[in-house]
Amino acid sequence: MARIECTTYEGFQITAQSRDNERGGWVAHVEIRHDGRLFATCSPDTVQPEWLTEAEANRDGLERGCKLVHHIMNIREDRSWVALREHAERWFFRVESSQEAEQIVRDLNAR
């Protein structure tokens, strides 16, 4: 059974769960949530590193999730919805195009 690893960073809950691919490498599926609402995902189907073990892939997924959140929370020049999606794409994440994710961005901007 696949292990799920979680961490919390800057008020976001980051979860990584890995699976092996057809080449024998491990890749992580990462979800980032804020107050239980889905904010961003990184799917194993996107281009990302492959790892030799499930633990390595999960650790990398959590680190990438933390880096994305750190970038979002600490780069103050532009926190518009469009800019956040652009930053997420650079980190191989897809920011959810939902009303909840947009509300999270509004909440962050209000701080």
PDB file of N, CA and C in Angstrom:
ATOM      1  N   MET A   1       0.840  -1.183   0.000  1.00  0.00           N
ATOM      2  CA  MET A   1       0.000   0.000   0.000  1.00  0.00           C
ATOM      3  C   MET A   1       0.885   1.245   0.000  1.00  0.00           C
ATOM      4  N   ALA A   2       0.526   2.227  -0.777  1.00  0.00           N
ATOM      5  CA  ALA A   2       1.301   3.454  -0.895  1.00  0.00           C
ATOM      6  C   ALA A   2       1.241   4.263   0.395  1.00  0.00           C
ATOM      7  N   ARG A   3       2.403   4.791   0.768  1.00  0.00           N
ATOM      8  CA  ARG A   3       2.473   5.653   1.948  1.00  0.00           C
ATOM      9  C   ARG A   3       2.066   7.060   1.575  1.00  0.00           C
ATOM     10  N   ILE A   4       1.354   7.693   2.481  1.00  0.00           N
ATOM     11  CA  ILE A   4       1.003   9.103   2.326  1.00  0.00           C
ATOM     12  C   ILE A   4       1.791   9.862   3.379  1.00  0.00           C
ATOM     13  N   GLU A   5       2.489  10.905   2.940  1.00  0.00           N
ATOM     14  CA  GLU A   5       3.245  11.734   3.870  1.00  0.00           C
ATOM     15  C   GLU A   5       2.696  13.145   3.816  1.00  0.00           C
ATOM     16  N   CYS A   6       2.628  13.787   4.982  1.00  0.00           N
ATOM     17  CA  CYS A   6       2.023  15.115   5.090  1.00  0.00           C
ATOM     18  C   CYS A   6       2.921  16.047   5.889  1.00  0.00           C
ATOM     19  N   THR A   7       2.790  17.325   5.594  1.00  0.00           N
ATOM     20  CA  THR A   7       3.429  18.369   6.381  1.00  0.00           C
ATOM     21  C   THR A   7       2.558  19.611   6.309  1.00  0.00           C
ATOM     22  N   THR A   8       2.785  20.528   7.236  1.00  0.00           N
ATOM     23  CA  THR A   8       2.101  21.814   7.220  1.00  0.00           C
ATOM     24  C   THR A   8       3.153  22.898   7.093  1.00  0.00           C
ATOM     25  N   TYR A   9       2.889  23.862   6.215  1.00  0.00           N
ATOM     26  CA  TYR A   9       3.836  24.955   5.994  1.00  0.00           C
ATOM     27  C   TYR A   9       3.053  26.233   5.724  1.00  0.00           C
ATOM     28  N   GLU A  10       3.319  27.270   6.520  1.00  0.00           N
ATOM     29  CA  GLU A  10       2.679  28.583   6.345  1.00  0.00           C
ATOM     30  C   GLU A  10       1.151  28.481   6.290  1.00  0.00           C
ATOM     31  N   GLY A  11       0.569  27.552   7.051  1.00  0.00           N
ATOM     32  CA  GLY A  11      -0.882  27.401   7.084  1.00  0.00           C
ATOM     33  C   GLY A  11      -1.446  26.531   5.974  1.00  0.00           C
ATOM     34  N   PHE A  12      -0.610  25.983   5.110  1.00  0.00           N
ATOM     35  CA  PHE A  12      -1.038  25.089   4.033  1.00  0.00           C
ATOM     36  C   PHE A  12      -0.707  23.658   4.426  1.00  0.00           C
ATOM     37  N   GLN A  13      -1.601  22.737   4.123  1.00  0.00           N
ATOM     38  CA  GLN A  13      -1.367  21.322   4.354  1.00  0.00           C
ATOM     39  C   GLN A  13      -0.882  20.719   3.040  1.00  0.00           C
ATOM     40  N   ILE A  14       0.283  20.088   3.073  1.00  0.00           N
ATOM     41  CA  ILE A  14       0.881  19.517   1.866  1.00  0.00           C
ATOM     42  C   ILE A  14       0.937  18.005   2.047  1.00  0.00           C
ATOM     43  N   THR A  15       0.398  17.280   1.063  1.00  0.00           N
ATOM     44  CA  THR A  15       0.334  15.821   1.109  1.00  0.00           C
ATOM     45  C   THR A  15       1.004  15.258  -0.138  1.00  0.00           C
ATOM     46  N   ALA A  16       1.846  14.241   0.062  1.00  0.00           N
ATOM     47  CA  ALA A  16       2.508  13.569  -1.067  1.00  0.00           C
ATOM     48  C   ALA A  16       2.224  12.081  -0.992  1.00  0.00           C
ATOM     49  N   GLN A  17       1.887  11.513  -2.138  1.00  0.00           N
ATOM     50  CA  GLN A  17       1.693  10.067  -2.265  1.00  0.00           C
ATOM     51  C   GLN A  17       2.314   9.653  -3.586  1.00  0.00           C
ATOM     52  N   SER A  18       3.212   8.691  -3.554  1.00  0.00           N
ATOM     53  CA  SER A  18       3.962   8.304  -4.748  1.00  0.00           C
ATOM     54  C   SER A  18       3.497   6.983  -5.319  1.00  0.00           C
ATOM     55  N   ARG A  19       3.819   6.811  -6.582  1.00  0.00           N
ATOM     56  CA  ARG A  19       3.557   5.535  -7.254  1.00  0.00           C
ATOM     57  C   ARG A  19       4.711   5.265  -8.204  1.00  0.00           C
ATOM     58  N   ASP A  20       4.900   4.009  -8.537  1.00  0.00           N
ATOM     59  CA  ASP A  20       5.966   3.692  -9.485  1.00  0.00           C
ATOM     60  C   ASP A  20       5.414   3.771 -10.903  1.00  0.00           C
ATOM     61  N   ASN A  21       6.291   4.144 -11.819  1.00  0.00           N
ATOM     62  CA  ASN A  21       5.871   4.281 -13.215  1.00  0.00           C
ATOM     63  C   ASN A  21       6.398   3.105 -14.036  1.00  0.00           C
ATOM     64  N   GLU A  22       6.137   3.145 -15.330  1.00  0.00           N
ATOM     65  CA  GLU A  22       6.498   2.034 -16.206  1.00  0.00           C
ATOM     66  C   GLU A  22       8.006   1.843 -16.341  1.00  0.00           C
ATOM     67  N   ARG A  23       8.803   2.846 -15.971  1.00  0.00           N
ATOM     68  CA  ARG A  23      10.261   2.748 -16.050  1.00  0.00           C
ATOM     69  C   ARG A  23      10.878   2.323 -14.720  1.00  0.00           C
ATOM     70  N   GLY A  24      10.045   2.061 -13.715  1.00  0.00           N
ATOM     71  CA  GLY A  24      10.549   1.625 -12.418  1.00  0.00           C
ATOM     72  C   GLY A  24      10.906   2.758 -11.475  1.00  0.00           C
ATOM     73  N   GLY A  25      10.695   3.996 -11.898  1.00  0.00           N
ATOM     74  CA  GLY A  25      10.958   5.137 -11.026  1.00  0.00           C
ATOM     75  C   GLY A  25       9.720   5.505 -10.232  1.00  0.00           C
ATOM     76  N   TRP A  26       9.927   6.241  -9.158  1.00  0.00           N
ATOM     77  CA  TRP A  26       8.823   6.696  -8.316  1.00  0.00           C
ATOM     78  C   TRP A  26       8.588   8.179  -8.541  1.00  0.00           C
ATOM     79  N   VAL A  27       7.317   8.572  -8.650  1.00  0.00           N
ATOM     80  CA  VAL A  27       6.937   9.980  -8.805  1.00  0.00           C
ATOM     81  C   VAL A  27       5.815  10.277  -7.808  1.00  0.00           C
ATOM     82  N   ALA A  28       5.793  11.519  -7.332  1.00  0.00           N
ATOM     83  CA  ALA A  28       4.846  11.896  -6.278  1.00  0.00           C
ATOM     84  C   ALA A  28       3.670  12.675  -6.838  1.00  0.00           C
ATOM     85  N   HIS A  29       2.493  12.370  -6.322  1.00  0.00           N
ATOM     86  CA  HIS A  29       1.311  13.198  -6.536  1.00  0.00           C
ATOM     87  C   HIS A  29       1.200  14.064  -5.284  1.00  0.00           C
ATOM     88  N   VAL A  30       1.151  15.388  -5.468  1.00  0.00           N
ATOM     89  CA  VAL A  30       1.149  16.311  -4.341  1.00  0.00           C
ATOM     90  C   VAL A  30      -0.130  17.131  -4.367  1.00  0.00           C
ATOM     91  N   GLU A  31      -0.734  17.299  -3.197  1.00  0.00           N
ATOM     92  CA  GLU A  31      -1.887  18.194  -3.048  1.00  0.00           C
ATOM     93  C   GLU A  31      -1.546  19.227  -1.990  1.00  0.00           C
ATOM     94  N   ILE A  32      -1.921  20.463  -2.266  1.00  0.00           N
ATOM     95  CA  ILE A  32      -1.747  21.550  -1.302  1.00  0.00           C
ATOM     96  C   ILE A  32      -3.135  22.070  -0.962  1.00  0.00           C
ATOM     97  N   ARG A  33      -3.437  22.089   0.333  1.00  0.00           N
ATOM     98  CA  ARG A  33      -4.747  22.546   0.809  1.00  0.00           C
ATOM     99  C   ARG A  33      -4.561  23.673   1.806  1.00  0.00           C
ATOM    100  N   HIS A  34      -5.559  24.523   1.884  1.00  0.00           N
ATOM    101  CA  HIS A  34      -5.588  25.597   2.874  1.00  0.00           C
ATOM    102  C   HIS A  34      -6.939  25.538   3.561  1.00  0.00           C
ATOM    103  N   ASP A  35      -6.941  25.346   4.867  1.00  0.00           N
ATOM    104  CA  ASP A  35      -8.181  25.176   5.630  1.00  0.00           C
ATOM    105  C   ASP A  35      -9.067  24.085   5.028  1.00  0.00           C
ATOM    106  N   GLY A  36      -8.437  23.003   4.565  1.00  0.00           N
ATOM    107  CA  GLY A  36      -9.166  21.879   4.002  1.00  0.00           C
ATOM    108  C   GLY A  36      -9.607  22.057   2.556  1.00  0.00           C
ATOM    109  N   ARG A  37      -9.394  23.250   1.994  1.00  0.00           N
ATOM    110  CA  ARG A  37      -9.806  23.522   0.607  1.00  0.00           C
ATOM    111  C   ARG A  37      -8.629  23.274  -0.339  1.00  0.00           C
ATOM    112  N   LEU A  38      -8.876  22.543  -1.422  1.00  0.00           N
ATOM    113  CA  LEU A  38      -7.818  22.231  -2.387  1.00  0.00           C
ATOM    114  C   LEU A  38      -7.344  23.501  -3.063  1.00  0.00           C
ATOM    115  N   PHE A  39      -6.027  23.738  -3.015  1.00  0.00           N
ATOM    116  CA  PHE A  39      -5.435  24.920  -3.613  1.00  0.00           C
ATOM    117  C   PHE A  39      -4.628  24.576  -4.867  1.00  0.00           C
ATOM    118  N   ALA A  40      -3.778  23.539  -4.795  1.00  0.00           N
ATOM    119  CA  ALA A  40      -2.932  23.195  -5.947  1.00  0.00           C
ATOM    120  C   ALA A  40      -2.639  21.702  -5.925  1.00  0.00           C
ATOM    121  N   THR A  41      -2.324  21.171  -7.096  1.00  0.00           N
ATOM    122  CA  THR A  41      -1.922  19.775  -7.223  1.00  0.00           C
ATOM    123  C   THR A  41      -0.718  19.684  -8.143  1.00  0.00           C
ATOM    124  N   CYS A  42       0.038  18.627  -7.967  1.00  0.00           N
ATOM    125  CA  CYS A  42       1.106  18.282  -8.892  1.00  0.00           C
ATOM    126  C   CYS A  42       0.903  16.817  -9.200  1.00  0.00           C
ATOM    127  N   SER A  43       0.574  16.532 -10.421  1.00  0.00           N
ATOM    128  CA  SER A  43       0.233  15.180 -10.825  1.00  0.00           C
ATOM    129  C   SER A  43       1.462  14.418 -11.299  1.00  0.00           C
ATOM    130  N   PRO A  44       1.522  13.104 -11.037  1.00  0.00           N
ATOM    131  CA  PRO A  44       2.629  12.298 -11.562  1.00  0.00           C
ATOM    132  C   PRO A  44       2.703  12.294 -13.079  1.00  0.00           C
ATOM    133  N   ASP A  45       1.654  12.722 -13.739  1.00  0.00           N
ATOM    134  CA  ASP A  45       1.663  12.739 -15.202  1.00  0.00           C
ATOM    135  C   ASP A  45       2.422  13.930 -15.767  1.00  0.00           C
ATOM    136  N   THR A  46       2.754  14.905 -14.914  1.00  0.00           N
ATOM    137  CA  THR A  46       3.526  16.042 -15.391  1.00  0.00           C
ATOM    138  C   THR A  46       5.004  15.683 -15.367  1.00  0.00           C
ATOM    139  N   VAL A  47       5.802  16.484 -16.031  1.00  0.00           N
ATOM    140  CA  VAL A  47       7.242  16.252 -16.036  1.00  0.00           C
ATOM    141  C   VAL A  47       7.782  16.601 -14.652  1.00  0.00           C
ATOM    142  N   GLN A  48       8.417  15.642 -14.035  1.00  0.00           N
ATOM    143  CA  GLN A  48       9.004  15.856 -12.717  1.00  0.00           C
ATOM    144  C   GLN A  48      10.060  14.793 -12.473  1.00  0.00           C
ATOM    145  N   PRO A  49      10.844  14.958 -11.419  1.00  0.00           N
ATOM    146  CA  PRO A  49      11.901  13.972 -11.156  1.00  0.00           C
ATOM    147  C   PRO A  49      11.341  12.589 -10.845  1.00  0.00           C
ATOM    148  N   GLU A  50      12.101  11.581 -11.211  1.00  0.00           N
ATOM    149  CA  GLU A  50      11.810  10.212 -10.817  1.00  0.00           C
ATOM    150  C   GLU A  50      12.805   9.837  -9.733  1.00  0.00           C
ATOM    151  N   TRP A  51      12.365   9.023  -8.782  1.00  0.00           N
ATOM    152  CA  TRP A  51      13.216   8.637  -7.668  1.00  0.00           C
ATOM    153  C   TRP A  51      13.296   7.120  -7.578  1.00  0.00           C
ATOM    154  N   LEU A  52      14.347   6.630  -6.931  1.00  0.00           N
ATOM    155  CA  LEU A  52      14.539   5.185  -6.804  1.00  0.00           C
ATOM    156  C   LEU A  52      13.605   4.557  -5.781  1.00  0.00           C
ATOM    157  N   THR A  53      13.165   5.347  -4.795  1.00  0.00           N
ATOM    158  CA  THR A  53      12.290   4.792  -3.757  1.00  0.00           C
ATOM    159  C   THR A  53      11.064   5.678  -3.564  1.00  0.00           C
ATOM    160  N   GLU A  54      10.036   5.075  -2.989  1.00  0.00           N
ATOM    161  CA  GLU A  54       8.811   5.800  -2.669  1.00  0.00           C
ATOM    162  C   GLU A  54       9.083   6.904  -1.653  1.00  0.00           C
ATOM    163  N   ALA A  55       9.920   6.628  -0.665  1.00  0.00           N
ATOM    164  CA  ALA A  55      10.230   7.611   0.375  1.00  0.00           C
ATOM    165  C   ALA A  55      10.911   8.848  -0.223  1.00  0.00           C
ATOM    166  N   GLU A  56      11.847   8.630  -1.164  1.00  0.00           N
ATOM    167  CA  GLU A  56      12.523   9.759  -1.808  1.00  0.00           C
ATOM    168  C   GLU A  56      11.533  10.608  -2.608  1.00  0.00           C
ATOM    169  N   ALA A  57      10.648   9.944  -3.319  1.00  0.00           N
ATOM    170  CA  ALA A  57       9.665  10.676  -4.129  1.00  0.00           C
ATOM    171  C   ALA A  57       8.734  11.489  -3.234  1.00  0.00           C
ATOM    172  N   ASN A  58       8.267  10.892  -2.139  1.00  0.00           N
ATOM    173  CA  ASN A  58       7.392  11.630  -1.217  1.00  0.00           C
ATOM    174  C   ASN A  58       8.119  12.827  -0.616  1.00  0.00           C
ATOM    175  N   ARG A  59       9.364  12.622  -0.195  1.00  0.00           N
ATOM    176  CA  ARG A  59      10.142  13.718   0.395  1.00  0.00           C
ATOM    177  C   ARG A  59      10.315  14.854  -0.616  1.00  0.00           C
ATOM    178  N   ASP A  60      10.619  14.505  -1.870  1.00  0.00           N
ATOM    179  CA  ASP A  60      10.753  15.528  -2.904  1.00  0.00           C
ATOM    180  C   ASP A  60       9.430  16.247  -3.138  1.00  0.00           C
ATOM    181  N   GLY A  61       8.329  15.509  -3.154  1.00  0.00           N
ATOM    182  CA  GLY A  61       7.020  16.134  -3.343  1.00  0.00           C
ATOM    183  C   GLY A  61       6.704  17.132  -2.245  1.00  0.00           C
ATOM    184  N   LEU A  62       6.991  16.765  -0.992  1.00  0.00           N
ATOM    185  CA  LEU A  62       6.756  17.685   0.123  1.00  0.00           C
ATOM    186  C   LEU A  62       7.647  18.918   0.019  1.00  0.00           C
ATOM    187  N   GLU A  63       8.904  18.723  -0.370  1.00  0.00           N
ATOM    188  CA  GLU A  63       9.823  19.858  -0.520  1.00  0.00           C
ATOM    189  C   GLU A  63       9.357  20.806  -1.622  1.00  0.00           C
ATOM    190  N   ARG A  64       8.932  20.243  -2.747  1.00  0.00           N
ATOM    191  CA  ARG A  64       8.444  21.104  -3.834  1.00  0.00           C
ATOM    192  C   ARG A  64       7.189  21.846  -3.423  1.00  0.00           C
ATOM    193  N   GLY A  65       6.307  21.191  -2.678  1.00  0.00           N
ATOM    194  CA  GLY A  65       5.106  21.856  -2.171  1.00  0.00           C
ATOM    195  C   GLY A  65       5.457  23.012  -1.249  1.00  0.00           C
ATOM    196  N   CYS A  66       6.413  22.785  -0.345  1.00  0.00           N
ATOM    197  CA  CYS A  66       6.849  23.854   0.569  1.00  0.00           C
ATOM    198  C   CYS A  66       7.483  25.011  -0.197  1.00  0.00           C
ATOM    199  N   LYS A  67       8.273  24.705  -1.220  1.00  0.00           N
ATOM    200  CA  LYS A  67       8.897  25.772  -2.019  1.00  0.00           C
ATOM    201  C   LYS A  67       7.849  26.617  -2.728  1.00  0.00           C
ATOM    202  N   LEU A  68       6.822  25.972  -3.264  1.00  0.00           N
ATOM    203  CA  LEU A  68       5.771  26.732  -3.934  1.00  0.00           C
ATOM    204  C   LEU A  68       5.056  27.638  -2.936  1.00  0.00           C
ATOM    205  N   VAL A  69       4.687  27.100  -1.772  1.00  0.00           N
ATOM    206  CA  VAL A  69       4.006  27.907  -0.766  1.00  0.00           C
ATOM    207  C   VAL A  69       4.913  29.041  -0.298  1.00  0.00           C
ATOM    208  N   HIS A  70       6.194  28.733  -0.063  1.00  0.00           N
ATOM    209  CA  HIS A  70       7.141  29.772   0.358  1.00  0.00           C
ATOM    210  C   HIS A  70       7.193  30.895  -0.669  1.00  0.00           C
ATOM    211  N   HIS A  71       7.264  30.517  -1.921  1.00  0.00           N
ATOM    212  CA  HIS A  71       7.322  31.515  -2.992  1.00  0.00           C
ATOM    213  C   HIS A  71       6.051  32.369  -3.006  1.00  0.00           C
ATOM    214  N   ILE A  72       4.917  31.727  -2.897  1.00  0.00           N
ATOM    215  CA  ILE A  72       3.640  32.443  -2.916  1.00  0.00           C
ATOM    216  C   ILE A  72       3.537  33.399  -1.723  1.00  0.00           C
ATOM    217  N   MET A  73       3.953  32.948  -0.549  1.00  0.00           N
ATOM    218  CA  MET A  73       3.795  33.743   0.663  1.00  0.00           C
ATOM    219  C   MET A  73       4.840  34.852   0.804  1.00  0.00           C
ATOM    220  N   ASN A  74       5.997  34.697   0.178  1.00  0.00           N
ATOM    221  CA  ASN A  74       7.092  35.633   0.425  1.00  0.00           C
ATOM    222  C   ASN A  74       7.447  36.537  -0.740  1.00  0.00           C
ATOM    223  N   ILE A  75       6.914  36.286  -1.897  1.00  0.00           N
ATOM    224  CA  ILE A  75       7.138  37.178  -3.028  1.00  0.00           C
ATOM    225  C   ILE A  75       5.920  38.085  -3.110  1.00  0.00           C
ATOM    226  N   ARG A  76       6.094  39.321  -2.728  1.00  0.00           N
ATOM    227  CA  ARG A  76       4.962  40.230  -2.576  1.00  0.00           C
ATOM    228  C   ARG A  76       4.655  41.078  -3.810  1.00  0.00           C
ATOM    229  N   GLU A  77       5.486  40.993  -4.854  1.00  0.00           N
ATOM    230  CA  GLU A  77       5.276  41.929  -5.956  1.00  0.00           C
ATOM    231  C   GLU A  77       3.920  41.781  -6.635  1.00  0.00           C
ATOM    232  N   ASP A  78       3.450  40.562  -6.820  1.00  0.00           N
ATOM    233  CA  ASP A  78       2.169  40.383  -7.506  1.00  0.00           C
ATOM    234  C   ASP A  78       1.551  39.078  -7.042  1.00  0.00           C
ATOM    235  N   ARG A  79       0.479  39.165  -6.279  1.00  0.00           N
ATOM    236  CA  ARG A  79      -0.205  37.961  -5.824  1.00  0.00           C
ATOM    237  C   ARG A  79      -1.576  37.863  -6.470  1.00  0.00           C
ATOM    238  N   SER A  80      -1.673  38.289  -7.703  1.00  0.00           N
ATOM    239  CA  SER A  80      -2.938  38.153  -8.413  1.00  0.00           C
ATOM    240  C   SER A  80      -3.155  36.675  -8.739  1.00  0.00           C
ATOM    241  N   TRP A  81      -4.370  36.333  -9.039  1.00  0.00           N
ATOM    242  CA  TRP A  81      -4.724  34.969  -9.386  1.00  0.00           C
ATOM    243  C   TRP A  81      -3.914  34.477 -10.584  1.00  0.00           C
ATOM    244  N   VAL A  82      -3.765  35.302 -11.599  1.00  0.00           N
ATOM    245  CA  VAL A  82      -3.015  34.925 -12.804  1.00  0.00           C
ATOM    246  C   VAL A  82      -1.547  34.716 -12.466  1.00  0.00           C
ATOM    247  N   ALA A  83      -0.972  35.603 -11.655  1.00  0.00           N
ATOM    248  CA  ALA A  83       0.435  35.472 -11.287  1.00  0.00           C
ATOM    249  C   ALA A  83       0.678  34.202 -10.481  1.00  0.00           C
ATOM    250  N   LEU A  84      -0.233  33.866  -9.574  1.00  0.00           N
ATOM    251  CA  LEU A  84      -0.068  32.645  -8.787  1.00  0.00           C
ATOM    252  C   LEU A  84      -0.086  31.413  -9.673  1.00  0.00           C
ATOM    253  N   ARG A  85      -0.980  31.388 -10.650  1.00  0.00           N
ATOM    254  CA  ARG A  85      -1.010  30.237 -11.565  1.00  0.00           C
ATOM    255  C   ARG A  85       0.289  30.156 -12.362  1.00  0.00           C
ATOM    256  N   GLU A  86       0.817  31.306 -12.785  1.00  0.00           N
ATOM    257  CA  GLU A  86       2.070  31.318 -13.542  1.00  0.00           C
ATOM    258  C   GLU A  86       3.218  30.789 -12.678  1.00  0.00           C
ATOM    259  N   HIS A  87       3.300  31.243 -11.421  1.00  0.00           N
ATOM    260  CA  HIS A  87       4.342  30.754 -10.517  1.00  0.00           C
ATOM    261  C   HIS A  87       4.192  29.247 -10.307  1.00  0.00           C
ATOM    262  N   ALA A  88       2.984  28.780 -10.135  1.00  0.00           N
ATOM    263  CA  ALA A  88       2.739  27.354  -9.912  1.00  0.00           C
ATOM    264  C   ALA A  88       3.174  26.527 -11.107  1.00  0.00           C
ATOM    265  N   GLU A  89       2.922  27.023 -12.309  1.00  0.00           N
ATOM    266  CA  GLU A  89       3.319  26.284 -13.506  1.00  0.00           C
ATOM    267  C   GLU A  89       4.828  26.133 -13.578  1.00  0.00           C
ATOM    268  N   ARG A  90       5.563  27.129 -13.109  1.00  0.00           N
ATOM    269  CA  ARG A  90       7.024  27.024 -13.088  1.00  0.00           C
ATOM    270  C   ARG A  90       7.496  25.929 -12.148  1.00  0.00           C
ATOM    271  N   TRP A  91       6.713  25.634 -11.107  1.00  0.00           N
ATOM    272  CA  TRP A  91       7.082  24.607 -10.132  1.00  0.00           C
ATOM    273  C   TRP A  91       6.361  23.287 -10.420  1.00  0.00           C
ATOM    274  N   PHE A  92       5.753  23.126 -11.585  1.00  0.00           N
ATOM    275  CA  PHE A  92       5.043  21.919 -12.010  1.00  0.00           C
ATOM    276  C   PHE A  92       3.755  21.687 -11.235  1.00  0.00           C
ATOM    277  N   PHE A  93       3.191  22.744 -10.698  1.00  0.00           N
ATOM    278  CA  PHE A  93       1.922  22.623  -9.990  1.00  0.00           C
ATOM    279  C   PHE A  93       0.812  23.231 -10.829  1.00  0.00           C
ATOM    280  N   ARG A  94      -0.390  22.740 -10.614  1.00  0.00           N
ATOM    281  CA  ARG A  94      -1.572  23.321 -11.237  1.00  0.00           C
ATOM    282  C   ARG A  94      -2.418  23.889 -10.107  1.00  0.00           C
ATOM    283  N   VAL A  95      -2.525  25.207 -10.076  1.00  0.00           N
ATOM    284  CA  VAL A  95      -3.382  25.823  -9.080  1.00  0.00           C
ATOM    285  C   VAL A  95      -4.819  25.571  -9.502  1.00  0.00           C
ATOM    286  N   GLU A  96      -5.613  25.086  -8.590  1.00  0.00           N
ATOM    287  CA  GLU A  96      -6.985  24.715  -8.910  1.00  0.00           C
ATOM    288  C   GLU A  96      -7.775  25.934  -9.387  1.00  0.00           C
ATOM    289  N   SER A  97      -8.493  25.765 -10.463  1.00  0.00           N
ATOM    290  CA  SER A  97      -9.326  26.855 -10.976  1.00  0.00           C
ATOM    291  C   SER A  97     -10.732  26.702 -10.410  1.00  0.00           C
ATOM    292  N   SER A  98     -10.802  26.908  -9.118  1.00  0.00           N
ATOM    293  CA  SER A  98     -12.083  26.798  -8.439  1.00  0.00           C
ATOM    294  C   SER A  98     -12.343  28.068  -7.656  1.00  0.00           C
ATOM    295  N   GLN A  99     -13.592  28.254  -7.282  1.00  0.00           N
ATOM    296  CA  GLN A  99     -13.933  29.424  -6.478  1.00  0.00           C
ATOM    297  C   GLN A  99     -13.241  29.368  -5.119  1.00  0.00           C
ATOM    298  N   GLU A 100     -13.045  28.167  -4.577  1.00  0.00           N
ATOM    299  CA  GLU A 100     -12.375  28.049  -3.291  1.00  0.00           C
ATOM    300  C   GLU A 100     -10.918  28.493  -3.387  1.00  0.00           C
ATOM    301  N   ALA A 101     -10.219  28.069  -4.450  1.00  0.00           N
ATOM    302  CA  ALA A 101      -8.824  28.469  -4.609  1.00  0.00           C
ATOM    303  C   ALA A 101      -8.721  29.981  -4.804  1.00  0.00           C
ATOM    304  N   GLU A 102      -9.632  30.543  -5.568  1.00  0.00           N
ATOM    305  CA  GLU A 102      -9.623  31.993  -5.750  1.00  0.00           C
ATOM    306  C   GLU A 102      -9.888  32.703  -4.428  1.00  0.00           C
ATOM    307  N   GLN A 103     -10.753  32.138  -3.575  1.00  0.00           N
ATOM    308  CA  GLN A 103     -11.012  32.735  -2.267  1.00  0.00           C
ATOM    309  C   GLN A 103      -9.775  32.664  -1.383  1.00  0.00           C
ATOM    310  N   ILE A 104      -9.028  31.579  -1.470  1.00  0.00           N
ATOM    311  CA  ILE A 104      -7.784  31.472  -0.717  1.00  0.00           C
ATOM    312  C   ILE A 104      -6.845  32.610  -1.102  1.00  0.00           C
ATOM    313  N   VAL A 105      -6.742  32.885  -2.399  1.00  0.00           N
ATOM    314  CA  VAL A 105      -5.883  33.977  -2.870  1.00  0.00           C
ATOM    315  C   VAL A 105      -6.380  35.312  -2.321  1.00  0.00           C
ATOM    316  N   ARG A 106      -7.676  35.530  -2.343  1.00  0.00           N
ATOM    317  CA  ARG A 106      -8.223  36.785  -1.784  1.00  0.00           C
ATOM    318  C   ARG A 106      -7.911  36.882  -0.305  1.00  0.00           C
ATOM    319  N   ASP A 107      -8.048  35.765   0.425  1.00  0.00           N
ATOM    320  CA  ASP A 107      -7.743  35.756   1.842  1.00  0.00           C
ATOM    321  C   ASP A 107      -6.273  36.082   2.096  1.00  0.00           C
ATOM    322  N   LEU A 108      -5.385  35.523   1.281  1.00  0.00           N
ATOM    323  CA  LEU A 108      -3.954  35.798   1.434  1.00  0.00           C
ATOM    324  C   LEU A 108      -3.654  37.265   1.149  1.00  0.00           C
ATOM    325  N   ASN A 109      -4.299  37.821   0.156  1.00  0.00           N
ATOM    326  CA  ASN A 109      -4.067  39.227  -0.184  1.00  0.00           C
ATOM    327  C   ASN A 109      -4.578  40.172   0.898  1.00  0.00           C
ATOM    328  N   ALA A 110      -5.551  39.726   1.682  1.00  0.00           N
ATOM    329  CA  ALA A 110      -6.114  40.563   2.733  1.00  0.00           C
ATOM    330  C   ALA A 110      -5.179  40.675   3.930  1.00  0.00           C
ATOM    331  N   ARG A 111      -4.188  39.806   4.010  1.00  0.00           N
ATOM    332  CA  ARG A 111      -3.254  39.819   5.154  1.00  0.00           C
ATOM    333  C   ARG A 111      -2.273  40.939   5.056  1.00  0.00           C
TER     334      ARG A 111
END
